[in-house]
């Protein structure tokens, strides 16, 4: 597949921008055929299923204390700004 992509890129470079759609259509067709071939092989048992991707760590939940601390800090900042603002 990499060879076909490299060949398409080289053809695009050689032919110029006037042939963009023709080069792209040819590449899409070849990639589509490769996808069809792989799906058929997987459906009929000729290829193993893809390996599962490893998952990252589960997201941690915040406790109540950090949330109250953040909200309290914002409230104090707003009140302090209101007191210090001229007006």
C-alpha atoms as a PDB file:
ATOM      1  CA  UNK A   1       0.000   0.000   0.000  1.00  0.00           C
ATOM      2  CA  UNK A   2       2.855   2.399   0.807  1.00  0.00           C
ATOM      3  CA  UNK A   3       4.336   1.763  -2.630  1.00  0.00           C
ATOM      4  CA  UNK A   4       1.047   2.686  -4.286  1.00  0.00           C
ATOM      5  CA  UNK A   5       0.784   5.902  -2.292  1.00  0.00           C
ATOM      6  CA  UNK A   6       4.366   6.799  -3.146  1.00  0.00           C
ATOM      7  CA  UNK A   7       3.700   6.022  -6.808  1.00  0.00           C
ATOM      8  CA  UNK A   8       0.615   8.236  -6.774  1.00  0.00           C
ATOM      9  CA  UNK A   9       2.561  11.061  -5.156  1.00  0.00           C
ATOM     10  CA  UNK A  10       5.308  10.707  -7.762  1.00  0.00           C
ATOM     11  CA  UNK A  11       2.743  10.693 -10.575  1.00  0.00           C
ATOM     12  CA  UNK A  12       1.135  13.812  -9.116  1.00  0.00           C
ATOM     13  CA  UNK A  13       4.538  15.487  -8.992  1.00  0.00           C
ATOM     14  CA  UNK A  14       5.390  14.461 -12.571  1.00  0.00           C
ATOM     15  CA  UNK A  15       2.010  15.243 -14.128  1.00  0.00           C
ATOM     16  CA  UNK A  16       1.315  18.489 -12.309  1.00  0.00           C
ATOM     17  CA  UNK A  17      -1.854  19.917 -10.843  1.00  0.00           C
ATOM     18  CA  UNK A  18      -3.896  19.393 -14.021  1.00  0.00           C
ATOM     19  CA  UNK A  19      -4.202  15.715 -13.172  1.00  0.00           C
ATOM     20  CA  UNK A  20      -5.042  16.062  -9.463  1.00  0.00           C
ATOM     21  CA  UNK A  21      -8.475  14.485  -9.687  1.00  0.00           C
ATOM     22  CA  UNK A  22      -7.331  11.592 -11.898  1.00  0.00           C
ATOM     23  CA  UNK A  23      -4.425  10.724  -9.582  1.00  0.00           C
ATOM     24  CA  UNK A  24      -6.661  11.040  -6.503  1.00  0.00           C
ATOM     25  CA  UNK A  25      -9.412   8.889  -8.027  1.00  0.00           C
ATOM     26  CA  UNK A  26      -6.904   6.189  -8.930  1.00  0.00           C
ATOM     27  CA  UNK A  27      -5.467   6.181  -5.431  1.00  0.00           C
ATOM     28  CA  UNK A  28      -8.915   6.099  -3.807  1.00  0.00           C
ATOM     29  CA  UNK A  29      -9.906   3.196  -6.043  1.00  0.00           C
ATOM     30  CA  UNK A  30      -6.785   1.202  -5.133  1.00  0.00           C
ATOM     31  CA  UNK A  31      -7.251   1.924  -1.429  1.00  0.00           C
ATOM     32  CA  UNK A  32     -10.909   0.895  -1.692  1.00  0.00           C
ATOM     33  CA  UNK A  33      -9.924  -2.378  -3.343  1.00  0.00           C
ATOM     34  CA  UNK A  34      -7.390  -3.058  -0.587  1.00  0.00           C
ATOM     35  CA  UNK A  35     -10.008  -2.351   2.102  1.00  0.00           C
ATOM     36  CA  UNK A  36     -12.469  -4.674   0.346  1.00  0.00           C
ATOM     37  CA  UNK A  37      -9.808  -7.387   0.141  1.00  0.00           C
ATOM     38  CA  UNK A  38      -9.032  -7.096   3.845  1.00  0.00           C
ATOM     39  CA  UNK A  39     -12.702  -7.138   4.842  1.00  0.00           C
ATOM     40  CA  UNK A  40     -13.350 -10.222   2.707  1.00  0.00           C
ATOM     41  CA  UNK A  41     -10.325 -11.958   4.209  1.00  0.00           C
ATOM     42  CA  UNK A  42     -11.436 -11.103   7.734  1.00  0.00           C
ATOM     43  CA  UNK A  43     -15.023 -12.214   7.082  1.00  0.00           C
ATOM     44  CA  UNK A  44     -13.918 -15.550   5.709  1.00  0.00           C
ATOM     45  CA  UNK A  45     -11.366 -16.192   8.453  1.00  0.00           C
ATOM     46  CA  UNK A  46      -8.141 -15.596   6.551  1.00  0.00           C
ATOM     47  CA  UNK A  47      -6.963 -12.731   8.747  1.00  0.00           C
ATOM     48  CA  UNK A  48      -7.001 -12.479  12.517  1.00  0.00           C
ATOM     49  CA  UNK A  49      -9.058  -9.675  14.042  1.00  0.00           C
ATOM     50  CA  UNK A  50      -7.099  -6.544  14.852  1.00  0.00           C
ATOM     51  CA  UNK A  51      -5.471  -6.402  18.275  1.00  0.00           C
ATOM     52  CA  UNK A  52      -7.361  -4.286  20.812  1.00  0.00           C
ATOM     53  CA  UNK A  53      -5.844  -0.891  21.435  1.00  0.00           C
ATOM     54  CA  UNK A  54      -4.505  -0.318  24.929  1.00  0.00           C
ATOM     55  CA  UNK A  55      -6.543   2.078  26.995  1.00  0.00           C
ATOM     56  CA  UNK A  56      -5.113   4.847  29.065  1.00  0.00           C
ATOM     57  CA  UNK A  57      -5.723   5.150  32.780  1.00  0.00           C
ATOM     58  CA  UNK A  58      -9.263   5.800  33.901  1.00  0.00           C
ATOM     59  CA  UNK A  59      -9.961   9.471  34.577  1.00  0.00           C
ATOM     60  CA  UNK A  60      -9.930  10.411  38.245  1.00  0.00           C
ATOM     61  CA  UNK A  61     -12.952  11.989  39.856  1.00  0.00           C
ATOM     62  CA  UNK A  62     -12.472  15.147  41.836  1.00  0.00           C
ATOM     63  CA  UNK A  63     -13.435  15.081  45.468  1.00  0.00           C
ATOM     64  CA  UNK A  64     -15.763  17.615  47.050  1.00  0.00           C
ATOM     65  CA  UNK A  65     -13.015  19.575  48.803  1.00  0.00           C
ATOM     66  CA  UNK A  66     -11.192  20.787  45.637  1.00  0.00           C
ATOM     67  CA  UNK A  67     -14.497  21.888  44.124  1.00  0.00           C
ATOM     68  CA  UNK A  68     -15.437  23.926  47.240  1.00  0.00           C
ATOM     69  CA  UNK A  69     -11.942  25.388  47.368  1.00  0.00           C
ATOM     70  CA  UNK A  70     -12.142  26.501  43.729  1.00  0.00           C
ATOM     71  CA  UNK A  71     -15.634  27.977  44.105  1.00  0.00           C
ATOM     72  CA  UNK A  72     -14.694  29.740  47.350  1.00  0.00           C
ATOM     73  CA  UNK A  73     -11.577  31.214  45.755  1.00  0.00           C
ATOM     74  CA  UNK A  74     -13.606  32.551  42.839  1.00  0.00           C
ATOM     75  CA  UNK A  75     -16.217  34.044  45.187  1.00  0.00           C
ATOM     76  CA  UNK A  76     -13.545  35.785  47.259  1.00  0.00           C
ATOM     77  CA  UNK A  77     -11.864  37.107  44.119  1.00  0.00           C
ATOM     78  CA  UNK A  78     -15.143  38.525  42.811  1.00  0.00           C
ATOM     79  CA  UNK A  79     -15.970  40.140  46.175  1.00  0.00           C
ATOM     80  CA  UNK A  80     -12.451  41.543  46.472  1.00  0.00           C
ATOM     81  CA  UNK A  81     -12.661  43.010  43.001  1.00  0.00           C
ATOM     82  CA  UNK A  82     -16.050  44.592  43.784  1.00  0.00           C
ATOM     83  CA  UNK A  83     -14.720  46.167  46.980  1.00  0.00           C
ATOM     84  CA  UNK A  84     -11.509  47.433  45.384  1.00  0.00           C
ATOM     85  CA  UNK A  85     -13.107  48.753  42.208  1.00  0.00           C
ATOM     86  CA  UNK A  86     -13.715  52.480  42.172  1.00  0.00           C
ATOM     87  CA  UNK A  87     -17.173  53.492  41.717  1.00  0.00           C
END
